[in-house]
């Protein structure tokens, strides 16, 4: 039976920790030069309505390491929902490829793609969520701090798709999540309500970034202006004034607090270059872990579909 990865809530707590175990093993094996051609001669269609560096390179490289091949489809190739219906695109690609990874604007397009595809669909990002990013983020925290439960993760900035995925994660594994954002930039209200109703994690939305950063285990940020929001750039720069991760904000967190950013970074806006390159930063470990976490997700989906993979 085919299985998709559209949100982190598609995996149980036990499956998330198993994904992390597999990711750590795959990571160690890559560094040791050990090959795992679990998907030899298989192909992945990568559909990009939004361009990306990390998503493309991490999935394409990961597929090659698995012995397969990844095919890039850019915005002009796919024109999802415009030149051809999502339903038909999904069914056609399923006849050619063993996997579909898509990075889209509309989340409803991702859901429709998963509904009609007959091969596993992996969500590489939508305007609503970014599950592969959160799996990499939480893997990085797990590697550096040895645990997730009870960690205070403070997200400084916009309650965006990454923030929504942190809330999704809080519905599965208990931790302390704080969003520090100005008025008008809260996360999706339904997602926030569901995470709070799950009763697993302590969840806060506050307006004071310094108060939020107090005793934090992790300080996390993202760009203030995402793709598609360029017309709002000046307003966002004004609204987010004071919500920057810098040396002063970091001084209020724990001494071993991790500084994280999903990249790309806009130096001098949401984070200073000094802090991004500082001793608390694990941002490039986090970027590397995109590939290892995604490869582990693929293994989990394949095993759910009956593949005989031992790792």
C-alpha atoms as a PDB file:
ATOM      1  CA  UNK A   1       0.000   0.000   0.000  1.00  0.00           C
ATOM      2  CA  UNK A   2       1.445   3.363  -0.998  1.00  0.00           C
ATOM      3  CA  UNK A   3       2.005   5.944   1.717  1.00  0.00           C
ATOM      4  CA  UNK A   4       2.655   9.681   1.458  1.00  0.00           C
ATOM      5  CA  UNK A   5       4.473  12.224   3.610  1.00  0.00           C
ATOM      6  CA  UNK A   6       2.434  15.425   3.497  1.00  0.00           C
ATOM      7  CA  UNK A   7       2.749  16.519   7.144  1.00  0.00           C
ATOM      8  CA  UNK A   8       4.793  15.377  10.138  1.00  0.00           C
ATOM      9  CA  UNK A   9       1.507  14.187  11.666  1.00  0.00           C
ATOM     10  CA  UNK A  10       1.524  11.430   9.027  1.00  0.00           C
ATOM     11  CA  UNK A  11       4.062   9.684  11.276  1.00  0.00           C
ATOM     12  CA  UNK A  12       3.506   8.497  14.828  1.00  0.00           C
ATOM     13  CA  UNK A  13       5.899   9.320  17.655  1.00  0.00           C
ATOM     14  CA  UNK A  14       7.508   5.909  17.287  1.00  0.00           C
ATOM     15  CA  UNK A  15       7.851   6.345  13.528  1.00  0.00           C
ATOM     16  CA  UNK A  16       9.473   9.761  13.925  1.00  0.00           C
ATOM     17  CA  UNK A  17      12.105   8.377  16.274  1.00  0.00           C
ATOM     18  CA  UNK A  18      12.660   5.427  13.919  1.00  0.00           C
ATOM     19  CA  UNK A  19      13.079   7.907  11.051  1.00  0.00           C
ATOM     20  CA  UNK A  20      15.730   9.721  13.092  1.00  0.00           C
ATOM     21  CA  UNK A  21      17.509   6.449  13.870  1.00  0.00           C
ATOM     22  CA  UNK A  22      17.600   5.581  10.177  1.00  0.00           C
ATOM     23  CA  UNK A  23      18.719   9.109   9.242  1.00  0.00           C
ATOM     24  CA  UNK A  24      21.624   8.989  11.679  1.00  0.00           C
ATOM     25  CA  UNK A  25      22.694   5.597  10.335  1.00  0.00           C
ATOM     26  CA  UNK A  26      22.439   6.726   6.707  1.00  0.00           C
ATOM     27  CA  UNK A  27      24.425   9.850   7.569  1.00  0.00           C
ATOM     28  CA  UNK A  28      27.182   7.816   9.227  1.00  0.00           C
ATOM     29  CA  UNK A  29      27.272   5.394   6.307  1.00  0.00           C
ATOM     30  CA  UNK A  30      27.581   8.213   3.746  1.00  0.00           C
ATOM     31  CA  UNK A  31      30.545   9.621   5.648  1.00  0.00           C
ATOM     32  CA  UNK A  32      32.095   6.134   5.848  1.00  0.00           C
ATOM     33  CA  UNK A  33      31.660   5.610   2.108  1.00  0.00           C
ATOM     34  CA  UNK A  34      29.110   2.818   2.533  1.00  0.00           C
ATOM     35  CA  UNK A  35      26.523   2.647  -0.219  1.00  0.00           C
ATOM     36  CA  UNK A  36      22.828   1.776   0.074  1.00  0.00           C
ATOM     37  CA  UNK A  37      21.244   1.275  -3.340  1.00  0.00           C
ATOM     38  CA  UNK A  38      17.787   0.667  -1.900  1.00  0.00           C
ATOM     39  CA  UNK A  39      16.098   2.302  -4.882  1.00  0.00           C
ATOM     40  CA  UNK A  40      18.392   1.195  -7.708  1.00  0.00           C
ATOM     41  CA  UNK A  41      17.011   2.141 -11.121  1.00  0.00           C
ATOM     42  CA  UNK A  42      14.028   3.921  -9.562  1.00  0.00           C
ATOM     43  CA  UNK A  43      13.131   7.467 -10.564  1.00  0.00           C
ATOM     44  CA  UNK A  44      11.788  10.462  -8.669  1.00  0.00           C
ATOM     45  CA  UNK A  45       9.889  13.287 -10.323  1.00  0.00           C
ATOM     46  CA  UNK A  46      10.652  16.580  -8.554  1.00  0.00           C
ATOM     47  CA  UNK A  47       8.025  19.211  -9.321  1.00  0.00           C
ATOM     48  CA  UNK A  48       8.966  22.777  -8.433  1.00  0.00           C
ATOM     49  CA  UNK A  49       6.372  25.534  -8.564  1.00  0.00           C
ATOM     50  CA  UNK A  50       8.823  27.395  -6.277  1.00  0.00           C
ATOM     51  CA  UNK A  51      12.584  27.308  -6.951  1.00  0.00           C
ATOM     52  CA  UNK A  52      14.914  26.031  -4.242  1.00  0.00           C
ATOM     53  CA  UNK A  53      18.565  25.252  -3.588  1.00  0.00           C
ATOM     54  CA  UNK A  54      18.390  22.882  -0.608  1.00  0.00           C
ATOM     55  CA  UNK A  55      15.252  21.001  -1.631  1.00  0.00           C
ATOM     56  CA  UNK A  56      16.480  20.219  -5.119  1.00  0.00           C
ATOM     57  CA  UNK A  57      20.077  19.370  -4.247  1.00  0.00           C
ATOM     58  CA  UNK A  58      19.210  17.321  -1.153  1.00  0.00           C
ATOM     59  CA  UNK A  59      16.561  15.201  -2.883  1.00  0.00           C
ATOM     60  CA  UNK A  60      18.512  14.796  -6.119  1.00  0.00           C
ATOM     61  CA  UNK A  61      21.740  13.854  -4.326  1.00  0.00           C
ATOM     62  CA  UNK A  62      19.883  11.557  -1.945  1.00  0.00           C
ATOM     63  CA  UNK A  63      18.221   9.737  -4.831  1.00  0.00           C
ATOM     64  CA  UNK A  64      21.578   9.241  -6.559  1.00  0.00           C
ATOM     65  CA  UNK A  65      23.036   7.865  -3.319  1.00  0.00           C
ATOM     66  CA  UNK A  66      20.144   5.387  -3.251  1.00  0.00           C
ATOM     67  CA  UNK A  67      21.095   4.221  -6.758  1.00  0.00           C
ATOM     68  CA  UNK A  68      18.227   5.994  -8.485  1.00  0.00           C
ATOM     69  CA  UNK A  69      17.676   9.094 -10.578  1.00  0.00           C
ATOM     70  CA  UNK A  70      15.793  12.338  -9.925  1.00  0.00           C
ATOM     71  CA  UNK A  71      14.113  14.350 -12.664  1.00  0.00           C
ATOM     72  CA  UNK A  72      13.734  18.123 -12.207  1.00  0.00           C
ATOM     73  CA  UNK A  73      10.515  19.761 -13.412  1.00  0.00           C
ATOM     74  CA  UNK A  74      10.604  23.548 -13.105  1.00  0.00           C
ATOM     75  CA  UNK A  75       7.671  25.976 -12.922  1.00  0.00           C
ATOM     76  CA  UNK A  76       7.422  26.185 -16.720  1.00  0.00           C
ATOM     77  CA  UNK A  77       7.488  22.402 -17.092  1.00  0.00           C
ATOM     78  CA  UNK A  78       4.680  21.628 -14.713  1.00  0.00           C
ATOM     79  CA  UNK A  79       2.412  24.740 -14.546  1.00  0.00           C
ATOM     80  CA  UNK A  80       0.403  22.885 -11.946  1.00  0.00           C
ATOM     81  CA  UNK A  81      -3.317  23.546 -12.023  1.00  0.00           C
ATOM     82  CA  UNK A  82      -2.975  25.849 -15.052  1.00  0.00           C
ATOM     83  CA  UNK A  83      -1.903  24.060 -18.216  1.00  0.00           C
ATOM     84  CA  UNK A  84      -3.083  20.724 -16.856  1.00  0.00           C
ATOM     85  CA  UNK A  85      -5.101  19.609 -13.851  1.00  0.00           C
ATOM     86  CA  UNK A  86      -3.354  18.410 -10.695  1.00  0.00           C
ATOM     87  CA  UNK A  87      -5.327  15.175 -10.996  1.00  0.00           C
ATOM     88  CA  UNK A  88      -4.023  14.413 -14.482  1.00  0.00           C
ATOM     89  CA  UNK A  89      -0.444  15.476 -13.720  1.00  0.00           C
ATOM     90  CA  UNK A  90      -0.411  13.133 -10.729  1.00  0.00           C
ATOM     91  CA  UNK A  91      -1.739  10.182 -12.700  1.00  0.00           C
ATOM     92  CA  UNK A  92       0.637  10.712 -15.634  1.00  0.00           C
ATOM     93  CA  UNK A  93       3.757  11.096 -13.494  1.00  0.00           C
ATOM     94  CA  UNK A  94       2.772   7.989 -11.519  1.00  0.00           C
ATOM     95  CA  UNK A  95       2.992   5.984 -14.770  1.00  0.00           C
ATOM     96  CA  UNK A  96       6.581   7.123 -15.359  1.00  0.00           C
ATOM     97  CA  UNK A  97       8.145   7.478 -11.917  1.00  0.00           C
ATOM     98  CA  UNK A  98       8.403   5.572  -8.643  1.00  0.00           C
ATOM     99  CA  UNK A  99       8.344   8.678  -6.455  1.00  0.00           C
ATOM    100  CA  UNK A 100       6.919  12.186  -6.550  1.00  0.00           C
ATOM    101  CA  UNK A 101       8.365  15.101  -4.608  1.00  0.00           C
ATOM    102  CA  UNK A 102       6.656  18.444  -5.050  1.00  0.00           C
ATOM    103  CA  UNK A 103       7.374  21.984  -3.853  1.00  0.00           C
ATOM    104  CA  UNK A 104       4.196  23.966  -4.420  1.00  0.00           C
ATOM    105  CA  UNK A 105       2.385  27.125  -3.447  1.00  0.00           C
ATOM    106  CA  UNK A 106      -1.108  25.833  -2.695  1.00  0.00           C
ATOM    107  CA  UNK A 107      -1.440  23.121  -0.066  1.00  0.00           C
ATOM    108  CA  UNK A 108      -4.694  21.920  -1.622  1.00  0.00           C
ATOM    109  CA  UNK A 109      -2.702  21.060  -4.753  1.00  0.00           C
ATOM    110  CA  UNK A 110      -0.410  18.869  -2.629  1.00  0.00           C
ATOM    111  CA  UNK A 111      -3.390  17.083  -1.077  1.00  0.00           C
ATOM    112  CA  UNK A 112      -4.947  16.536  -4.486  1.00  0.00           C
ATOM    113  CA  UNK A 113      -1.664  15.216  -5.868  1.00  0.00           C
ATOM    114  CA  UNK A 114      -1.387  12.700  -3.025  1.00  0.00           C
ATOM    115  CA  UNK A 115      -4.998  11.652  -3.567  1.00  0.00           C
ATOM    116  CA  UNK A 116      -4.580  10.833  -7.255  1.00  0.00           C
ATOM    117  CA  UNK A 117      -0.957   9.653  -7.469  1.00  0.00           C
ATOM    118  CA  UNK A 118      -0.401   5.916  -7.285  1.00  0.00           C
ATOM    119  CA  UNK A 119       3.192   6.307  -6.042  1.00  0.00           C
ATOM    120  CA  UNK A 120       4.407   7.915  -2.794  1.00  0.00           C
ATOM    121  CA  UNK A 121       4.191  11.710  -2.679  1.00  0.00           C
ATOM    122  CA  UNK A 122       6.567  13.714  -0.488  1.00  0.00           C
ATOM    123  CA  UNK A 123       5.761  17.308   0.397  1.00  0.00           C
ATOM    124  CA  UNK A 124       8.837  19.440  -0.311  1.00  0.00           C
ATOM    125  CA  UNK A 125       6.995  22.598   0.847  1.00  0.00           C
ATOM    126  CA  UNK A 126       3.695  24.400   0.454  1.00  0.00           C
ATOM    127  CA  UNK A 127       2.506  27.780   1.654  1.00  0.00           C
ATOM    128  CA  UNK A 128       0.924  25.930   4.586  1.00  0.00           C
ATOM    129  CA  UNK A 129       3.711  23.644   5.833  1.00  0.00           C
ATOM    130  CA  UNK A 130       7.255  22.330   5.359  1.00  0.00           C
ATOM    131  CA  UNK A 131       7.468  18.844   6.918  1.00  0.00           C
ATOM    132  CA  UNK A 132      10.855  17.836   5.491  1.00  0.00           C
ATOM    133  CA  UNK A 133      12.405  20.956   6.995  1.00  0.00           C
ATOM    134  CA  UNK A 134      11.012  20.193  10.453  1.00  0.00           C
ATOM    135  CA  UNK A 135      12.249  16.596  10.304  1.00  0.00           C
ATOM    136  CA  UNK A 136      15.734  17.947   9.556  1.00  0.00           C
ATOM    137  CA  UNK A 137      15.421  20.571  12.289  1.00  0.00           C
ATOM    138  CA  UNK A 138      14.318  18.142  14.966  1.00  0.00           C
ATOM    139  CA  UNK A 139      16.955  15.613  13.896  1.00  0.00           C
ATOM    140  CA  UNK A 140      19.572  18.349  14.378  1.00  0.00           C
ATOM    141  CA  UNK A 141      18.284  19.229  17.856  1.00  0.00           C
ATOM    142  CA  UNK A 142      18.194  15.518  18.737  1.00  0.00           C
ATOM    143  CA  UNK A 143      21.804  15.084  17.589  1.00  0.00           C
ATOM    144  CA  UNK A 144      23.138  18.071  19.528  1.00  0.00           C
ATOM    145  CA  UNK A 145      21.060  17.938  22.717  1.00  0.00           C
ATOM    146  CA  UNK A 146      20.299  14.231  22.864  1.00  0.00           C
ATOM    147  CA  UNK A 147      16.583  14.711  23.385  1.00  0.00           C
ATOM    148  CA  UNK A 148      13.518  16.497  22.070  1.00  0.00           C
ATOM    149  CA  UNK A 149      11.021  16.167  24.868  1.00  0.00           C
ATOM    150  CA  UNK A 150      11.113  19.181  27.152  1.00  0.00           C
ATOM    151  CA  UNK A 151      13.287  21.265  24.811  1.00  0.00           C
ATOM    152  CA  UNK A 152      12.281  24.924  24.619  1.00  0.00           C
ATOM    153  CA  UNK A 153      12.281  25.875  20.939  1.00  0.00           C
ATOM    154  CA  UNK A 154      11.710  29.580  20.314  1.00  0.00           C
ATOM    155  CA  UNK A 155      10.739  30.666  16.818  1.00  0.00           C
ATOM    156  CA  UNK A 156      11.449  34.364  16.273  1.00  0.00           C
ATOM    157  CA  UNK A 157       9.502  35.845  13.384  1.00  0.00           C
ATOM    158  CA  UNK A 158       6.610  35.079  11.079  1.00  0.00           C
ATOM    159  CA  UNK A 159       4.071  32.365  11.943  1.00  0.00           C
ATOM    160  CA  UNK A 160       4.618  30.851   8.510  1.00  0.00           C
ATOM    161  CA  UNK A 161       4.691  27.376   6.969  1.00  0.00           C
ATOM    162  CA  UNK A 162       7.746  26.354   9.002  1.00  0.00           C
ATOM    163  CA  UNK A 163       6.037  27.544  12.166  1.00  0.00           C
ATOM    164  CA  UNK A 164       2.934  25.531  11.252  1.00  0.00           C
ATOM    165  CA  UNK A 165       5.102  22.424  10.930  1.00  0.00           C
ATOM    166  CA  UNK A 166       6.617  23.034  14.368  1.00  0.00           C
ATOM    167  CA  UNK A 167       3.037  23.101  15.674  1.00  0.00           C
ATOM    168  CA  UNK A 168       2.232  19.886  13.802  1.00  0.00           C
ATOM    169  CA  UNK A 169       5.257  18.277  15.449  1.00  0.00           C
ATOM    170  CA  UNK A 170       4.038  19.448  18.862  1.00  0.00           C
ATOM    171  CA  UNK A 171       0.924  17.341  18.285  1.00  0.00           C
ATOM    172  CA  UNK A 172       3.049  14.181  18.101  1.00  0.00           C
ATOM    173  CA  UNK A 173       6.074  14.678  20.380  1.00  0.00           C
ATOM    174  CA  UNK A 174       5.947  16.815  23.542  1.00  0.00           C
ATOM    175  CA  UNK A 175       8.222  19.824  23.734  1.00  0.00           C
ATOM    176  CA  UNK A 176       7.951  23.523  24.579  1.00  0.00           C
ATOM    177  CA  UNK A 177       7.290  25.696  21.530  1.00  0.00           C
ATOM    178  CA  UNK A 178       7.214  29.490  21.670  1.00  0.00           C
ATOM    179  CA  UNK A 179       6.456  31.792  18.753  1.00  0.00           C
ATOM    180  CA  UNK A 180       7.569  35.398  19.212  1.00  0.00           C
ATOM    181  CA  UNK A 181       5.851  37.418  16.492  1.00  0.00           C
ATOM    182  CA  UNK A 182       4.318  40.865  16.076  1.00  0.00           C
ATOM    183  CA  UNK A 183       0.543  41.265  15.899  1.00  0.00           C
ATOM    184  CA  UNK A 184      -0.829  40.061  12.590  1.00  0.00           C
ATOM    185  CA  UNK A 185       1.781  37.348  12.032  1.00  0.00           C
ATOM    186  CA  UNK A 186       0.365  34.483  14.068  1.00  0.00           C
ATOM    187  CA  UNK A 187       0.327  30.920  12.699  1.00  0.00           C
ATOM    188  CA  UNK A 188      -2.648  29.224  11.096  1.00  0.00           C
ATOM    189  CA  UNK A 189      -5.332  29.381  13.824  1.00  0.00           C
ATOM    190  CA  UNK A 190      -6.688  25.887  13.163  1.00  0.00           C
ATOM    191  CA  UNK A 191      -3.201  24.365  13.348  1.00  0.00           C
ATOM    192  CA  UNK A 192      -2.477  26.257  16.571  1.00  0.00           C
ATOM    193  CA  UNK A 193      -5.789  25.123  18.091  1.00  0.00           C
ATOM    194  CA  UNK A 194      -5.157  21.482  17.132  1.00  0.00           C
ATOM    195  CA  UNK A 195      -1.665  21.519  18.619  1.00  0.00           C
ATOM    196  CA  UNK A 196      -2.981  23.021  21.850  1.00  0.00           C
ATOM    197  CA  UNK A 197      -5.914  20.585  21.948  1.00  0.00           C
ATOM    198  CA  UNK A 198      -3.540  17.621  21.607  1.00  0.00           C
ATOM    199  CA  UNK A 199      -2.323  18.510  25.100  1.00  0.00           C
ATOM    200  CA  UNK A 200       1.174  17.099  24.590  1.00  0.00           C
ATOM    201  CA  UNK A 201       3.274  20.231  24.323  1.00  0.00           C
ATOM    202  CA  UNK A 202       3.463  23.596  26.010  1.00  0.00           C
ATOM    203  CA  UNK A 203       2.705  26.150  23.288  1.00  0.00           C
ATOM    204  CA  UNK A 204       2.942  29.923  23.578  1.00  0.00           C
ATOM    205  CA  UNK A 205       2.491  32.857  21.205  1.00  0.00           C
ATOM    206  CA  UNK A 206       4.078  36.042  22.582  1.00  0.00           C
ATOM    207  CA  UNK A 207       4.987  39.534  21.367  1.00  0.00           C
ATOM    208  CA  UNK A 208       8.262  40.081  23.249  1.00  0.00           C
ATOM    209  CA  UNK A 209      11.231  38.248  21.672  1.00  0.00           C
ATOM    210  CA  UNK A 210      13.513  38.874  24.664  1.00  0.00           C
ATOM    211  CA  UNK A 211      11.016  37.364  27.083  1.00  0.00           C
ATOM    212  CA  UNK A 212      10.505  34.452  24.690  1.00  0.00           C
ATOM    213  CA  UNK A 213      14.264  33.787  24.435  1.00  0.00           C
ATOM    214  CA  UNK A 214      14.712  33.423  28.188  1.00  0.00           C
ATOM    215  CA  UNK A 215      16.217  29.982  28.968  1.00  0.00           C
ATOM    216  CA  UNK A 216      15.651  28.797  25.395  1.00  0.00           C
ATOM    217  CA  UNK A 217      17.321  25.593  24.215  1.00  0.00           C
ATOM    218  CA  UNK A 218      16.893  26.639  20.581  1.00  0.00           C
ATOM    219  CA  UNK A 219      16.505  30.010  18.851  1.00  0.00           C
ATOM    220  CA  UNK A 220      15.089  29.599  15.371  1.00  0.00           C
ATOM    221  CA  UNK A 221      14.256  32.061  12.628  1.00  0.00           C
ATOM    222  CA  UNK A 222      13.273  32.310   8.978  1.00  0.00           C
ATOM    223  CA  UNK A 223      13.187  35.112   6.440  1.00  0.00           C
ATOM    224  CA  UNK A 224      10.635  37.835   7.114  1.00  0.00           C
ATOM    225  CA  UNK A 225       9.596  38.032   3.459  1.00  0.00           C
ATOM    226  CA  UNK A 226       9.049  34.741   1.647  1.00  0.00           C
ATOM    227  CA  UNK A 227       8.639  34.084  -2.068  1.00  0.00           C
ATOM    228  CA  UNK A 228       5.386  35.614  -3.237  1.00  0.00           C
ATOM    229  CA  UNK A 229       5.406  38.302  -0.521  1.00  0.00           C
ATOM    230  CA  UNK A 230       7.815  40.750  -2.159  1.00  0.00           C
ATOM    231  CA  UNK A 231       5.176  43.499  -2.361  1.00  0.00           C
ATOM    232  CA  UNK A 232       4.941  43.406   1.457  1.00  0.00           C
ATOM    233  CA  UNK A 233       8.685  43.658   2.011  1.00  0.00           C
ATOM    234  CA  UNK A 234       8.896  47.187   3.440  1.00  0.00           C
ATOM    235  CA  UNK A 235       5.908  46.697   5.716  1.00  0.00           C
ATOM    236  CA  UNK A 236       7.382  43.459   7.002  1.00  0.00           C
ATOM    237  CA  UNK A 237      10.760  45.072   7.624  1.00  0.00           C
ATOM    238  CA  UNK A 238       8.989  47.698   9.738  1.00  0.00           C
ATOM    239  CA  UNK A 239       6.745  45.217  11.556  1.00  0.00           C
ATOM    240  CA  UNK A 240       9.573  42.813  12.419  1.00  0.00           C
ATOM    241  CA  UNK A 241      11.932  45.484  13.725  1.00  0.00           C
ATOM    242  CA  UNK A 242      13.279  44.114  17.022  1.00  0.00           C
ATOM    243  CA  UNK A 243      12.660  40.456  16.099  1.00  0.00           C
ATOM    244  CA  UNK A 244      16.216  39.731  15.021  1.00  0.00           C
ATOM    245  CA  UNK A 245      18.391  36.904  16.344  1.00  0.00           C
ATOM    246  CA  UNK A 246      21.583  38.663  17.397  1.00  0.00           C
ATOM    247  CA  UNK A 247      24.126  38.546  20.209  1.00  0.00           C
ATOM    248  CA  UNK A 248      21.836  40.418  22.582  1.00  0.00           C
ATOM    249  CA  UNK A 249      18.890  38.079  22.055  1.00  0.00           C
ATOM    250  CA  UNK A 250      21.132  35.030  22.277  1.00  0.00           C
ATOM    251  CA  UNK A 251      22.439  36.233  25.668  1.00  0.00           C
ATOM    252  CA  UNK A 252      18.971  35.601  27.150  1.00  0.00           C
ATOM    253  CA  UNK A 253      18.936  31.948  26.041  1.00  0.00           C
ATOM    254  CA  UNK A 254      20.813  29.071  27.671  1.00  0.00           C
ATOM    255  CA  UNK A 255      24.565  29.148  27.153  1.00  0.00           C
ATOM    256  CA  UNK A 256      24.407  26.028  24.964  1.00  0.00           C
ATOM    257  CA  UNK A 257      21.356  27.185  23.002  1.00  0.00           C
ATOM    258  CA  UNK A 258      21.340  26.226  19.346  1.00  0.00           C
ATOM    259  CA  UNK A 259      20.878  28.918  16.697  1.00  0.00           C
ATOM    260  CA  UNK A 260      18.927  27.618  13.711  1.00  0.00           C
ATOM    261  CA  UNK A 261      17.680  28.979  10.395  1.00  0.00           C
ATOM    262  CA  UNK A 262      16.123  27.058   7.498  1.00  0.00           C
ATOM    263  CA  UNK A 263      17.904  29.309   4.946  1.00  0.00           C
ATOM    264  CA  UNK A 264      18.309  31.283   2.797  1.00  0.00           C
ATOM    265  CA  UNK A 265      19.284  33.996   5.298  1.00  0.00           C
ATOM    266  CA  UNK A 266      18.987  37.734   4.860  1.00  0.00           C
ATOM    267  CA  UNK A 267      21.877  39.067   6.918  1.00  0.00           C
ATOM    268  CA  UNK A 268      21.003  42.114   8.977  1.00  0.00           C
ATOM    269  CA  UNK A 269      17.288  41.354   8.886  1.00  0.00           C
ATOM    270  CA  UNK A 270      16.098  38.251  10.771  1.00  0.00           C
ATOM    271  CA  UNK A 271      19.641  37.292  11.854  1.00  0.00           C
ATOM    272  CA  UNK A 272      23.083  38.878  12.010  1.00  0.00           C
ATOM    273  CA  UNK A 273      25.965  37.346  10.128  1.00  0.00           C
ATOM    274  CA  UNK A 274      27.936  37.231  13.386  1.00  0.00           C
ATOM    275  CA  UNK A 275      25.282  35.043  15.030  1.00  0.00           C
ATOM    276  CA  UNK A 276      24.795  32.797  12.019  1.00  0.00           C
ATOM    277  CA  UNK A 277      28.535  32.113  11.948  1.00  0.00           C
ATOM    278  CA  UNK A 278      28.911  32.017  15.737  1.00  0.00           C
ATOM    279  CA  UNK A 279      29.690  29.056  18.026  1.00  0.00           C
ATOM    280  CA  UNK A 280      26.015  28.398  18.872  1.00  0.00           C
ATOM    281  CA  UNK A 281      25.004  28.081  15.231  1.00  0.00           C
ATOM    282  CA  UNK A 282      24.165  24.620  13.870  1.00  0.00           C
ATOM    283  CA  UNK A 283      22.609  26.039  10.716  1.00  0.00           C
ATOM    284  CA  UNK A 284      24.773  24.115   8.263  1.00  0.00           C
ATOM    285  CA  UNK A 285      24.361  20.863  10.218  1.00  0.00           C
ATOM    286  CA  UNK A 286      20.647  21.564   9.864  1.00  0.00           C
ATOM    287  CA  UNK A 287      20.984  22.150   6.114  1.00  0.00           C
ATOM    288  CA  UNK A 288      22.970  18.930   5.692  1.00  0.00           C
ATOM    289  CA  UNK A 289      20.364  17.009   7.648  1.00  0.00           C
ATOM    290  CA  UNK A 290      17.712  17.871   5.071  1.00  0.00           C
ATOM    291  CA  UNK A 291      19.176  15.151   2.871  1.00  0.00           C
ATOM    292  CA  UNK A 292      19.596  12.532   5.586  1.00  0.00           C
ATOM    293  CA  UNK A 293      16.140  13.122   7.075  1.00  0.00           C
ATOM    294  CA  UNK A 294      14.483  12.986   3.652  1.00  0.00           C
ATOM    295  CA  UNK A 295      16.283   9.785   2.737  1.00  0.00           C
ATOM    296  CA  UNK A 296      15.066   8.264   5.998  1.00  0.00           C
ATOM    297  CA  UNK A 297      11.503   9.369   5.224  1.00  0.00           C
ATOM    298  CA  UNK A 298      11.783   7.575   1.881  1.00  0.00           C
ATOM    299  CA  UNK A 299      12.943   4.397   3.604  1.00  0.00           C
ATOM    300  CA  UNK A 300      10.013   4.605   6.014  1.00  0.00           C
ATOM    301  CA  UNK A 301       7.516   5.060   3.174  1.00  0.00           C
ATOM    302  CA  UNK A 302       9.061   2.208   1.181  1.00  0.00           C
ATOM    303  CA  UNK A 303       8.956  -0.129   4.177  1.00  0.00           C
ATOM    304  CA  UNK A 304       5.299   0.784   4.743  1.00  0.00           C
ATOM    305  CA  UNK A 305       4.701  -0.199   1.123  1.00  0.00           C
ATOM    306  CA  UNK A 306       6.246  -3.611   1.682  1.00  0.00           C
ATOM    307  CA  UNK A 307       9.875  -3.032   0.691  1.00  0.00           C
ATOM    308  CA  UNK A 308      12.337  -5.379   2.369  1.00  0.00           C
ATOM    309  CA  UNK A 309      14.883  -2.884   3.711  1.00  0.00           C
ATOM    310  CA  UNK A 310      17.045  -3.580   6.763  1.00  0.00           C
ATOM    311  CA  UNK A 311      19.119  -0.795   8.255  1.00  0.00           C
END
